[in-house]
Amino acid sequence: MAKNKKFEISLEEKLEKALVPVEEQPYKIPDNWVWTRLGEVNEVVTGNTPSKNEGSFWENKDIFFVKPDDLSQGRYLIYSKECIDKRALKKIRILPKNTTLICCIGSIGKVAYSEVESCSNQQINSLVVKKNCVYPLYNYYLVNSTFFQNQMWKNSSATTISILNKSSTEKLFFPLSPLNEQKRIVEKLDFLFDKTKRAKEIIEEIKIDIENRKISILDRAFKGVLTSEWRNKNKVSDIKEVLKSINNEKIKKWEEEYLQAEKEGKKKPKKPIIKKVEDMIVPIDEQPYKLPDSWVWVRLGDISERISKGTTPRGEDGYIEKGVNFLRVENIDNNNSINLSKVKYISEETHNSFLKRSILKEKDILISIAGTLGRTAIVKKEDLPANINQAISFVRLIDNNKVLENFIVFYLNSPTIKDSLLSQVKVTAIPNLTLEIISDIKLPLPSLEEQQEIVRILDEVLGNENKVKELLELEERIDMLEKSILNKAFKGELGTQNGSDIPAIEVLKEIL
């Protein structure tokens, strides 16, 4: 049988194949631009990994071997965690300078630009420009645009791990502008993004400065330095009398609960262990540091009515559309408050039965004890009714009129206690803190009057927490601005057009 003869197709046919039909074009672009496919103007190169069994391939660190984790350095690829020997190039494709590398498995859309020769693994598709029809950085900026990112995700396979294969990558829509226009767009974007980058750097510097200042102030506050002058001018109550009062309150609450249980015919609560005031004070050899004479070290458990944690409802007792707030670690903000924007809900029946032991009350102190450790919050009236899962513990003070919950939370965020807690973490699949560790927290306790003064000062001075929030919001606005700029750039709306440019269609003809 005679072999099929291969016919050469005309330029018009090539153009028809290369251009995106009008009805499929995502949006309108300038008249001297054209919609084409990524694969028409770039060679898409999927990486691969040289054999680890071939030791010589990995001996010398000659060439970057890029993996997805390496695509988080900002615009330019400055380093790679692994490098390969030149001898490996017989088994792997080398990528030329000025290549855009895109993660196409898992974290689809992560991207970097390499100004040096490199190689990549199979999770990365790289864009190598064909016949100088695309200004290389134009590729990089386009891939970062919202339009292109959405394209990649839309065309990825719906598997356990999202994958955008080579063929799908090649078919992605590409707004091709005249070559000189591309250069002007890149120059304009470089200028604008240098400005936004510097703004972000300044914001980060301010955030670090605020955080360092916060650490210093908290350290001084709980060593009594912040209020030393105040103590000299003000008379304070005897701290031992405060401890005695806490013990009395513990007995009083037990008696009330006992009488209530007796009245309702329920199980009576056990009589609490009441320590002598002297035994409530942490022994000198266990004290983290020396305190002012009017302060004492106590354990958090000795001034708490209850320290417990929640659990997760299951089966029929699970989440419902609306009901009692069910708090998880993600509901505790970094600013020591509860965020109900993404809260789950449980039924009142579950709240009052299966999860009865973790029903929250106003002024309860929350501490995250699993996964993300050490986040804190104070339960407010508007947060109730509420319950918690097993990743959160709650501390209910015996007497909020003798020990302030705000004072405790400020201390829990101080460097001393943060370091102490982290050193006691149980290392399991998910790092966690036990209730015993929480109960054993050593607390520097001044008089009520001095607690109030410390809280007042910290509230005032650390009002910078709001500044940090404002800075985070500013960062978000800058990110949105960058997205808007990229959106305009690839619609021809940056004011970079020149009518004398050779139309993009002519550039496309050159490579077909």
Protein backbone atom coordinates (compact mmCIF):
# COMPACT_ATOMS: atom_id res chain seq x y z
CA MET A 1 0.00 0.00 0.00
CA ALA A 2 1.31 3.40 -0.91
CA LYS A 3 2.26 5.71 1.93
CA ASN A 4 0.00 8.72 2.64
CA LYS A 5 1.43 11.81 1.04
CA LYS A 6 2.02 14.69 3.40
CA PHE A 7 0.63 17.92 2.05
CA GLU A 8 1.90 21.38 2.96
CA ILE A 9 -0.97 23.59 4.22
CA SER A 10 -1.22 27.23 3.22
CA LEU A 11 -0.43 30.23 5.47
CA GLU A 12 -4.14 31.08 5.56
CA GLU A 13 -4.94 27.60 6.84
CA LYS A 14 -2.17 27.86 9.44
CA LEU A 15 -3.55 31.20 10.58
CA GLU A 16 -7.05 29.85 10.80
CA LYS A 17 -5.76 27.06 13.02
CA ALA A 18 -3.61 29.37 15.16
CA LEU A 19 -6.16 32.12 15.78
CA VAL A 20 -8.94 31.87 18.36
CA PRO A 21 -12.39 32.17 16.71
CA VAL A 22 -14.16 35.43 17.53
CA GLU A 23 -16.98 33.68 19.39
CA GLU A 24 -14.44 31.99 21.74
CA GLN A 25 -12.35 35.09 22.51
CA PRO A 26 -12.45 35.92 26.26
CA TYR A 27 -12.57 39.69 25.85
CA LYS A 28 -11.93 42.47 23.34
CA ILE A 29 -8.33 43.47 22.63
CA PRO A 30 -6.86 46.28 20.46
CA ASP A 31 -7.14 45.91 16.67
CA ASN A 32 -3.42 45.28 16.14
CA TRP A 33 -3.43 42.43 18.72
CA VAL A 34 -4.58 38.86 18.06
CA TRP A 35 -5.93 36.02 20.16
CA THR A 36 -3.86 32.88 19.64
CA ARG A 37 -2.93 29.79 21.65
CA LEU A 38 -0.01 29.58 24.06
CA GLY A 39 1.51 26.70 22.13
CA GLU A 40 1.61 28.71 18.89
CA VAL A 41 4.06 31.28 20.28
CA ASN A 42 5.84 29.22 22.97
CA GLU A 43 7.26 25.75 23.13
CA VAL A 44 5.84 24.12 26.25
CA VAL A 45 8.50 21.93 27.86
CA THR A 46 7.54 19.43 30.57
CA GLY A 47 10.45 18.60 32.85
CA ASN A 48 11.61 15.22 34.11
CA THR A 49 13.84 13.92 36.88
CA PRO A 50 17.23 12.26 36.22
CA SER A 51 17.71 8.90 37.91
CA LYS A 52 18.67 9.18 41.57
CA ASN A 53 20.51 5.89 41.12
CA GLU A 54 22.94 7.58 38.74
CA GLY A 55 25.17 9.26 41.31
CA SER A 56 27.20 11.18 38.76
CA PHE A 57 24.06 13.13 37.77
CA TRP A 58 23.97 14.72 41.21
CA GLU A 59 27.66 15.11 42.06
CA ASN A 60 28.32 18.66 40.91
CA LYS A 61 25.96 21.58 41.41
CA ASP A 62 26.18 22.86 37.83
CA ILE A 63 22.58 23.62 36.91
CA PHE A 64 19.43 24.55 38.84
CA PHE A 65 17.03 21.61 39.13
CA VAL A 66 13.72 23.38 39.78
CA LYS A 67 10.79 21.92 41.69
CA PRO A 68 7.48 23.60 42.69
CA ASP A 69 8.81 24.69 46.09
CA ASP A 70 11.47 26.73 44.28
CA LEU A 71 8.79 28.85 42.61
CA SER A 72 8.12 30.93 45.75
CA GLN A 73 11.04 33.35 45.58
CA GLY A 74 9.30 36.23 43.89
CA ARG A 75 9.73 37.07 40.23
CA TYR A 76 13.24 35.77 39.61
CA LEU A 77 14.54 32.28 40.21
CA ILE A 78 17.60 32.98 42.38
CA TYR A 79 18.34 29.48 43.63
CA SER A 80 17.03 25.91 43.69
CA LYS A 81 17.19 23.48 46.59
CA GLU A 82 18.67 20.86 44.28
CA CYS A 83 21.13 21.12 41.39
CA ILE A 84 22.33 18.60 38.83
CA ASP A 85 25.60 17.74 37.12
CA LYS A 86 26.05 18.66 33.43
CA ARG A 87 26.34 14.94 32.74
CA ALA A 88 22.63 14.60 33.52
CA LEU A 89 21.76 16.73 30.49
CA LYS A 90 21.86 13.68 28.27
CA LYS A 91 18.75 12.50 30.16
CA ILE A 92 16.98 15.79 30.70
CA ARG A 93 16.08 18.88 28.65
CA ILE A 94 17.96 22.06 29.50
CA LEU A 95 15.87 25.21 29.58
CA PRO A 96 17.44 28.32 28.04
CA LYS A 97 17.82 31.66 29.76
CA ASN A 98 14.72 33.84 30.07
CA THR A 99 12.31 30.95 30.55
CA THR A 100 9.05 31.16 32.49
CA LEU A 101 8.48 28.10 34.70
CA ILE A 102 4.94 27.19 35.81
CA CYS A 103 3.80 24.59 38.33
CA CYS A 104 1.14 22.46 36.65
CA ILE A 105 0.56 19.77 39.27
CA GLY A 106 -0.88 20.54 42.70
CA SER A 107 -0.15 24.24 43.27
CA ILE A 108 -1.15 25.17 39.74
CA GLY A 109 -0.07 28.65 38.71
CA LYS A 110 3.00 29.11 40.89
CA VAL A 111 5.48 30.79 38.57
CA ALA A 112 9.02 32.11 38.35
CA TYR A 113 11.27 33.57 35.68
CA SER A 114 14.78 32.22 35.18
CA GLU A 115 17.55 34.39 33.75
CA VAL A 116 19.95 31.42 33.77
CA GLU A 117 19.90 28.00 32.18
CA SER A 118 17.97 25.52 34.28
CA CYS A 119 16.09 22.22 34.35
CA SER A 120 12.89 21.16 36.08
CA ASN A 121 11.02 18.13 37.30
CA GLN A 122 7.82 16.77 35.76
CA GLN A 123 5.55 18.98 37.87
CA ILE A 124 6.62 22.03 35.91
CA ASN A 125 5.79 23.16 32.39
CA SER A 126 8.14 25.81 31.03
CA LEU A 127 7.54 28.40 28.32
CA VAL A 128 10.35 28.73 25.79
CA VAL A 129 9.68 31.53 23.30
CA LYS A 130 9.49 30.57 19.59
CA LYS A 131 11.56 32.66 17.15
CA ASN A 132 11.56 35.79 19.34
CA CYS A 133 7.86 36.43 18.78
CA VAL A 134 7.25 37.02 22.49
CA TYR A 135 9.22 39.27 24.81
CA PRO A 136 10.12 36.73 27.56
CA LEU A 137 8.91 38.72 30.58
CA TYR A 138 5.59 39.24 28.80
CA ASN A 139 5.05 35.49 29.39
CA TYR A 140 5.80 35.85 33.09
CA TYR A 141 3.45 38.75 33.67
CA LEU A 142 0.66 37.17 31.63
CA VAL A 143 0.83 33.92 33.62
CA ASN A 144 0.44 35.98 36.82
CA SER A 145 -2.72 37.71 35.61
CA THR A 146 -6.08 36.68 37.08
CA PHE A 147 -7.39 35.85 33.61
CA PHE A 148 -4.56 33.38 32.91
CA GLN A 149 -4.58 31.85 36.39
CA ASN A 150 -8.31 31.18 36.07
CA GLN A 151 -7.70 29.60 32.68
CA MET A 152 -5.17 27.18 34.10
CA TRP A 153 -7.42 26.05 36.93
CA LYS A 154 -10.44 25.76 34.63
CA ASN A 155 -8.52 23.52 32.24
CA SER A 156 -6.87 21.34 34.87
CA SER A 157 -8.10 17.81 35.45
CA ALA A 158 -10.49 17.22 38.33
CA THR A 159 -8.52 14.58 40.20
CA THR A 160 -7.32 14.28 43.80
CA ILE A 161 -4.34 16.41 42.74
CA SER A 162 -5.09 19.04 40.12
CA ILE A 163 -3.06 18.57 36.93
CA LEU A 164 -2.66 20.81 33.91
CA ASN A 165 -0.94 18.67 31.27
CA LYS A 166 1.22 19.86 28.39
CA SER A 167 -1.53 19.56 25.80
CA SER A 168 -3.97 21.63 27.88
CA THR A 169 -1.26 24.21 28.55
CA GLU A 170 -0.59 24.63 24.83
CA LYS A 171 -4.28 25.31 24.15
CA LEU A 172 -4.59 28.19 26.62
CA PHE A 173 -5.67 31.51 25.14
CA PHE A 174 -2.83 34.00 24.60
CA PRO A 175 -3.41 37.75 23.88
CA LEU A 176 -0.52 38.45 21.48
CA SER A 177 0.33 42.12 21.12
CA PRO A 178 2.92 43.66 18.72
CA LEU A 179 6.47 42.88 19.84
CA ASN A 180 7.34 46.53 20.57
CA GLU A 181 4.09 46.85 22.48
CA GLN A 182 5.06 43.82 24.59
CA LYS A 183 8.34 45.51 25.52
CA ARG A 184 6.56 48.72 26.53
CA ILE A 185 4.02 46.74 28.58
CA VAL A 186 6.83 44.94 30.40
CA GLU A 187 8.68 48.21 31.03
CA LYS A 188 5.51 49.81 32.41
CA LEU A 189 4.77 46.79 34.58
CA ASP A 190 8.37 46.70 35.84
CA PHE A 191 8.06 50.35 36.86
CA LEU A 192 4.69 49.95 38.58
CA PHE A 193 5.53 46.68 40.31
CA ASP A 194 8.82 48.08 41.61
CA LYS A 195 6.68 50.72 43.33
CA THR A 196 4.27 48.18 44.84
CA LYS A 197 7.16 45.93 45.87
CA ARG A 198 8.80 48.79 47.77
CA ALA A 199 5.47 49.65 49.42
CA LYS A 200 5.14 46.03 50.59
CA GLU A 201 8.72 46.06 51.92
CA ILE A 202 8.01 49.22 53.94
CA ILE A 203 4.82 47.65 55.33
CA GLU A 204 6.75 44.52 56.33
CA GLU A 205 9.42 46.62 58.05
CA ILE A 206 6.76 48.47 60.03
CA LYS A 207 5.07 45.19 61.01
CA ILE A 208 8.39 43.78 62.26
CA ASP A 209 9.10 46.99 64.19
CA ILE A 210 5.65 46.86 65.81
CA GLU A 211 6.06 43.19 66.71
CA ASN A 212 9.51 43.76 68.26
CA ARG A 213 8.16 46.72 70.24
CA LYS A 214 5.23 44.60 71.41
CA ILE A 215 7.57 41.84 72.62
CA SER A 216 9.70 44.33 74.54
CA ILE A 217 6.71 46.02 76.20
CA LEU A 218 5.11 42.72 77.22
CA ASP A 219 8.39 41.54 78.70
CA ARG A 220 8.70 44.73 80.78
CA ALA A 221 5.05 44.59 81.82
CA PHE A 222 5.27 41.14 83.40
CA LYS A 223 8.52 41.81 85.16
CA GLY A 224 6.99 44.80 86.88
CA VAL A 225 9.25 47.30 85.10
CA LEU A 226 6.42 49.03 83.25
CA THR A 227 4.62 49.96 86.47
CA SER A 228 7.57 50.48 88.84
CA GLU A 229 6.95 54.24 89.09
CA TRP A 230 3.21 53.66 89.48
CA ARG A 231 3.84 51.31 92.46
CA ASN A 232 5.90 53.99 94.20
CA LYS A 233 2.99 56.42 93.99
CA ASN A 234 0.06 54.13 94.71
CA LYS A 235 -1.03 51.95 97.60
CA VAL A 236 -1.87 48.40 96.53
CA SER A 237 -3.76 45.59 98.24
CA ASP A 238 -1.89 42.70 99.83
CA ILE A 239 -1.52 39.97 97.18
CA LYS A 240 -1.86 37.25 99.83
CA GLU A 241 -5.25 38.67 100.71
CA VAL A 242 -6.16 38.40 97.03
CA LEU A 243 -5.24 34.70 97.08
CA LYS A 244 -7.24 34.17 100.27
CA SER A 245 -10.22 35.84 98.61
CA ILE A 246 -9.87 33.53 95.59
CA ASN A 247 -9.98 30.50 97.89
CA ASN A 248 -13.09 31.85 99.60
CA GLU A 249 -14.75 32.36 96.24
CA LYS A 250 -13.92 28.77 95.27
CA ILE A 251 -15.67 27.47 98.42
CA LYS A 252 -18.62 29.78 97.84
CA LYS A 253 -19.14 28.56 94.25
CA TRP A 254 -18.89 24.94 95.36
CA GLU A 255 -21.52 25.50 98.06
CA GLU A 256 -23.86 27.13 95.55
CA GLU A 257 -23.43 24.26 93.07
CA TYR A 258 -23.89 21.71 95.88
CA LEU A 259 -27.16 23.25 97.05
CA GLN A 260 -28.42 23.55 93.46
CA ALA A 261 -27.62 19.88 92.74
CA GLU A 262 -29.31 18.81 95.98
CA LYS A 263 -32.39 20.84 95.10
CA GLU A 264 -32.59 19.30 91.58
CA GLY A 265 -31.74 15.79 92.77
CA LYS A 266 -28.59 15.69 90.63
CA LYS A 267 -25.11 14.37 91.39
CA LYS A 268 -23.40 16.62 93.91
CA PRO A 269 -20.05 18.17 92.98
CA LYS A 270 -16.91 17.10 94.83
CA LYS A 271 -15.56 19.50 97.39
CA PRO A 272 -12.62 21.35 95.82
CA ILE A 273 -9.10 21.04 97.17
CA ILE A 274 -8.29 24.28 98.95
CA LYS A 275 -4.59 25.02 99.24
CA LYS A 276 -3.09 27.19 101.89
CA VAL A 277 -2.15 30.60 100.54
CA GLU A 278 1.53 29.77 101.11
CA ASP A 279 1.14 26.60 99.04
CA MET A 280 -0.42 28.53 96.17
CA ILE A 281 2.81 30.48 95.72
CA VAL A 282 5.32 28.79 93.41
CA PRO A 283 8.50 27.74 95.29
CA ILE A 284 11.49 30.03 94.74
CA ASP A 285 13.53 27.37 92.94
CA GLU A 286 10.73 26.99 90.34
CA GLN A 287 10.13 30.70 89.75
CA PRO A 288 11.13 31.79 86.20
CA TYR A 289 12.54 35.14 87.36
CA LYS A 290 12.48 37.56 90.29
CA LEU A 291 9.37 39.71 90.74
CA PRO A 292 8.71 42.95 92.63
CA ASP A 293 8.11 42.32 96.35
CA SER A 294 4.37 42.97 96.04
CA TRP A 295 3.95 40.28 93.34
CA VAL A 296 3.82 36.48 93.61
CA TRP A 297 4.16 33.54 91.26
CA VAL A 298 1.06 31.33 91.11
CA ARG A 299 -0.06 28.49 88.87
CA LEU A 300 -2.94 29.17 86.48
CA GLY A 301 -4.75 26.06 87.72
CA ASP A 302 -4.82 27.36 91.30
CA ILE A 303 -6.71 30.53 90.37
CA SER A 304 -9.06 28.81 87.90
CA GLU A 305 -12.47 27.35 88.53
CA ARG A 306 -12.09 25.06 85.53
CA ILE A 307 -9.65 24.23 82.74
CA SER A 308 -10.98 21.92 80.05
CA LYS A 309 -11.32 21.43 76.30
CA GLY A 310 -13.98 20.49 73.80
CA THR A 311 -14.55 17.65 71.39
CA THR A 312 -15.98 17.23 67.91
CA PRO A 313 -19.61 16.15 67.42
CA ARG A 314 -20.10 13.12 65.20
CA GLY A 315 -22.85 11.49 63.21
CA GLU A 316 -26.30 12.83 63.98
CA ASP A 317 -24.75 15.25 66.46
CA GLY A 318 -22.67 16.89 63.71
CA TYR A 319 -22.79 20.33 62.12
CA ILE A 320 -26.04 22.02 61.13
CA GLU A 321 -26.85 25.09 59.03
CA LYS A 322 -27.67 27.40 61.96
CA GLY A 323 -27.51 27.02 65.71
CA VAL A 324 -24.96 27.26 68.52
CA ASN A 325 -21.54 28.65 67.53
CA PHE A 326 -18.97 25.85 67.37
CA LEU A 327 -15.47 27.30 67.53
CA ARG A 328 -12.32 25.89 65.95
CA VAL A 329 -8.77 27.27 65.94
CA GLU A 330 -9.43 29.18 62.70
CA ASN A 331 -12.11 31.14 64.60
CA ILE A 332 -9.46 32.61 66.94
CA ASP A 333 -7.91 35.69 65.32
CA ASN A 334 -4.33 36.82 65.85
CA ASN A 335 -5.67 39.90 67.65
CA ASN A 336 -7.02 37.86 70.59
CA SER A 337 -10.62 37.94 69.46
CA ILE A 338 -13.17 35.46 68.12
CA ASN A 339 -14.02 35.61 64.42
CA LEU A 340 -17.44 34.18 63.62
CA SER A 341 -17.26 34.76 59.86
CA LYS A 342 -16.53 31.07 59.11
CA VAL A 343 -18.00 29.50 62.22
CA LYS A 344 -19.64 26.05 62.22
CA TYR A 345 -22.91 25.39 64.06
CA ILE A 346 -24.22 22.62 66.31
CA SER A 347 -27.68 21.99 67.71
CA GLU A 348 -28.76 23.16 71.17
CA GLU A 349 -29.35 19.53 72.08
CA THR A 350 -25.75 18.59 71.25
CA HIS A 351 -24.51 21.72 73.01
CA ASN A 352 -26.39 20.88 76.24
CA SER A 353 -25.78 17.13 76.27
CA PHE A 354 -22.86 15.57 74.36
CA LEU A 355 -20.77 18.77 74.54
CA LYS A 356 -22.03 19.91 77.94
CA ARG A 357 -18.56 19.94 79.52
CA SER A 358 -17.32 22.58 77.08
CA ILE A 359 -20.18 25.07 77.16
CA LEU A 360 -18.53 28.48 77.18
CA LYS A 361 -19.34 31.43 79.40
CA GLU A 362 -18.63 35.12 79.11
CA LYS A 363 -15.02 36.01 80.06
CA ASP A 364 -13.71 32.45 79.48
CA ILE A 365 -10.14 32.48 78.15
CA LEU A 366 -9.54 30.36 75.03
CA ILE A 367 -6.14 28.87 74.15
CA SER A 368 -5.43 26.85 71.01
CA ILE A 369 -3.66 23.64 72.05
CA ALA A 370 -3.39 21.59 68.84
CA GLY A 371 -1.98 22.38 65.40
CA THR A 372 -1.60 26.16 65.56
CA LEU A 373 -0.55 26.60 69.21
CA GLY A 374 -0.97 29.49 71.60
CA ARG A 375 -3.67 31.60 69.97
CA THR A 376 -5.81 33.27 72.61
CA ALA A 377 -9.17 34.97 72.88
CA ILE A 378 -11.68 36.11 75.48
CA VAL A 379 -15.29 35.02 75.11
CA LYS A 380 -17.66 37.98 74.86
CA LYS A 381 -21.40 38.04 75.47
CA GLU A 382 -22.10 38.46 71.75
CA ASP A 383 -20.14 35.24 70.98
CA LEU A 384 -22.57 33.13 72.99
CA PRO A 385 -23.99 30.53 72.97
CA ALA A 386 -20.80 28.78 71.98
CA ASN A 387 -18.85 25.56 72.26
CA ILE A 388 -15.37 24.38 71.19
CA ASN A 389 -13.57 21.45 69.63
CA GLN A 390 -10.65 19.47 71.06
CA ALA A 391 -8.02 21.84 69.61
CA ILE A 392 -9.09 24.59 72.02
CA SER A 393 -8.92 24.70 75.80
CA PHE A 394 -10.82 27.12 77.97
CA VAL A 395 -9.77 28.65 81.28
CA ARG A 396 -12.50 29.85 83.61
CA LEU A 397 -11.12 32.01 86.40
CA ILE A 398 -12.50 31.61 89.93
CA ASP A 399 -12.93 35.33 90.43
CA ASN A 400 -12.71 37.80 87.53
CA ASN A 401 -12.88 40.61 90.08
CA LYS A 402 -9.56 39.59 91.60
CA VAL A 403 -7.71 38.35 88.51
CA LEU A 404 -8.45 40.06 85.20
CA GLU A 405 -8.94 37.89 82.13
CA ASN A 406 -7.30 40.59 79.98
CA PHE A 407 -4.23 40.49 82.22
CA ILE A 408 -4.00 36.71 81.73
CA VAL A 409 -4.33 36.95 77.94
CA PHE A 410 -1.67 39.64 77.70
CA TYR A 411 0.65 37.39 79.71
CA LEU A 412 -0.12 34.37 77.52
CA ASN A 413 1.11 36.44 74.58
CA SER A 414 4.34 37.51 76.26
CA PRO A 415 7.68 36.02 75.07
CA THR A 416 8.35 34.31 78.42
CA ILE A 417 5.25 32.16 78.40
CA LYS A 418 5.30 31.59 74.62
CA ASP A 419 8.79 30.11 74.85
CA SER A 420 7.85 28.08 77.92
CA LEU A 421 4.77 26.56 76.29
CA LEU A 422 6.54 25.74 73.04
CA SER A 423 9.27 23.92 74.95
CA GLN A 424 6.63 21.59 76.42
CA VAL A 425 4.84 20.71 73.20
CA LYS A 426 4.00 17.04 72.80
CA VAL A 427 5.48 16.09 69.44
CA THR A 428 2.94 13.90 67.66
CA ALA A 429 1.48 13.92 64.16
CA ILE A 430 -0.23 17.14 65.29
CA PRO A 431 1.76 19.13 67.91
CA ASN A 432 -0.32 19.73 71.01
CA LEU A 433 -0.39 21.10 74.55
CA THR A 434 -2.04 19.12 77.34
CA LEU A 435 -4.48 20.54 79.89
CA GLU A 436 -1.89 19.69 82.54
CA ILE A 437 0.60 22.00 80.83
CA ILE A 438 -1.99 24.78 80.69
CA SER A 439 -2.90 24.28 84.34
CA ASP A 440 0.77 24.39 85.35
CA ILE A 441 1.45 27.74 83.67
CA LYS A 442 3.30 29.94 86.15
CA LEU A 443 1.73 33.39 86.32
CA PRO A 444 3.31 36.55 87.80
CA LEU A 445 0.45 38.03 89.81
CA PRO A 446 0.32 41.59 91.16
CA SER A 447 -2.53 43.24 93.05
CA LEU A 448 -5.81 43.91 91.30
CA GLU A 449 -4.99 47.63 91.14
CA GLU A 450 -1.68 46.97 89.39
CA GLN A 451 -3.28 44.45 87.03
CA GLN A 452 -5.74 47.17 86.02
CA GLU A 453 -2.91 49.64 85.43
CA ILE A 454 -0.91 47.14 83.35
CA VAL A 455 -3.97 46.30 81.23
CA ARG A 456 -4.68 50.00 80.75
CA ILE A 457 -1.12 50.70 79.57
CA LEU A 458 -0.99 47.67 77.30
CA ASP A 459 -4.38 48.47 75.78
CA GLU A 460 -3.12 51.96 75.02
CA VAL A 461 0.38 51.11 73.84
CA LEU A 462 -0.50 47.95 71.99
CA GLY A 463 -3.29 49.68 70.17
CA ASN A 464 -0.83 49.13 67.37
CA GLU A 465 -2.62 45.82 66.88
CA ASN A 466 -5.14 47.90 64.97
CA LYS A 467 -2.27 49.42 63.02
CA VAL A 468 -1.11 45.93 62.05
CA LYS A 469 -4.65 45.14 60.91
CA GLU A 470 -4.67 48.33 58.85
CA LEU A 471 -1.31 47.35 57.34
CA LEU A 472 -2.65 43.91 56.42
CA GLU A 473 -5.65 45.55 54.78
CA LEU A 474 -3.27 47.88 52.92
CA GLU A 475 -1.30 44.86 51.68
CA GLU A 476 -4.53 43.36 50.41
CA ARG A 477 -5.36 46.59 48.58
CA ILE A 478 -1.89 46.60 46.98
CA ASP A 479 -2.43 43.00 45.86
CA MET A 480 -5.77 44.00 44.33
CA LEU A 481 -4.09 46.97 42.65
CA GLU A 482 -1.46 44.66 41.13
CA LYS A 483 -4.18 42.37 39.81
CA SER A 484 -6.00 45.36 38.34
CA ILE A 485 -2.81 46.58 36.63
CA LEU A 486 -2.20 43.15 35.09
CA ASN A 487 -5.81 43.00 33.96
CA LYS A 488 -5.44 46.35 32.19
CA ALA A 489 -2.05 45.40 30.72
CA PHE A 490 -3.39 42.45 28.78
CA LYS A 491 -6.42 44.33 27.54
CA GLY A 492 -4.24 47.06 26.06
CA GLU A 493 -5.38 49.63 28.65
CA LEU A 494 -2.03 50.73 30.10
CA GLY A 495 -1.55 53.56 27.62
CA THR A 496 1.38 51.85 25.90
CA GLN A 497 -0.05 51.49 22.38
CA ASN A 498 1.61 52.87 19.27
CA GLY A 499 -0.19 52.81 15.93
CA SER A 500 3.10 52.46 14.00
CA ASP A 501 3.85 49.02 15.53
CA ILE A 502 3.96 46.02 13.24
CA PRO A 503 0.62 44.26 13.95
CA ALA A 504 0.73 41.06 15.98
CA ILE A 505 -0.80 39.13 13.07
CA GLU A 506 2.39 39.78 11.06
CA VAL A 507 4.52 38.52 13.96
CA LEU A 508 2.41 35.39 14.09
CA LYS A 509 2.79 34.83 10.34
CA GLU A 510 6.57 34.88 10.71
CA ILE A 511 6.58 31.83 12.96
CA LEU A 512 3.90 29.77 11.23
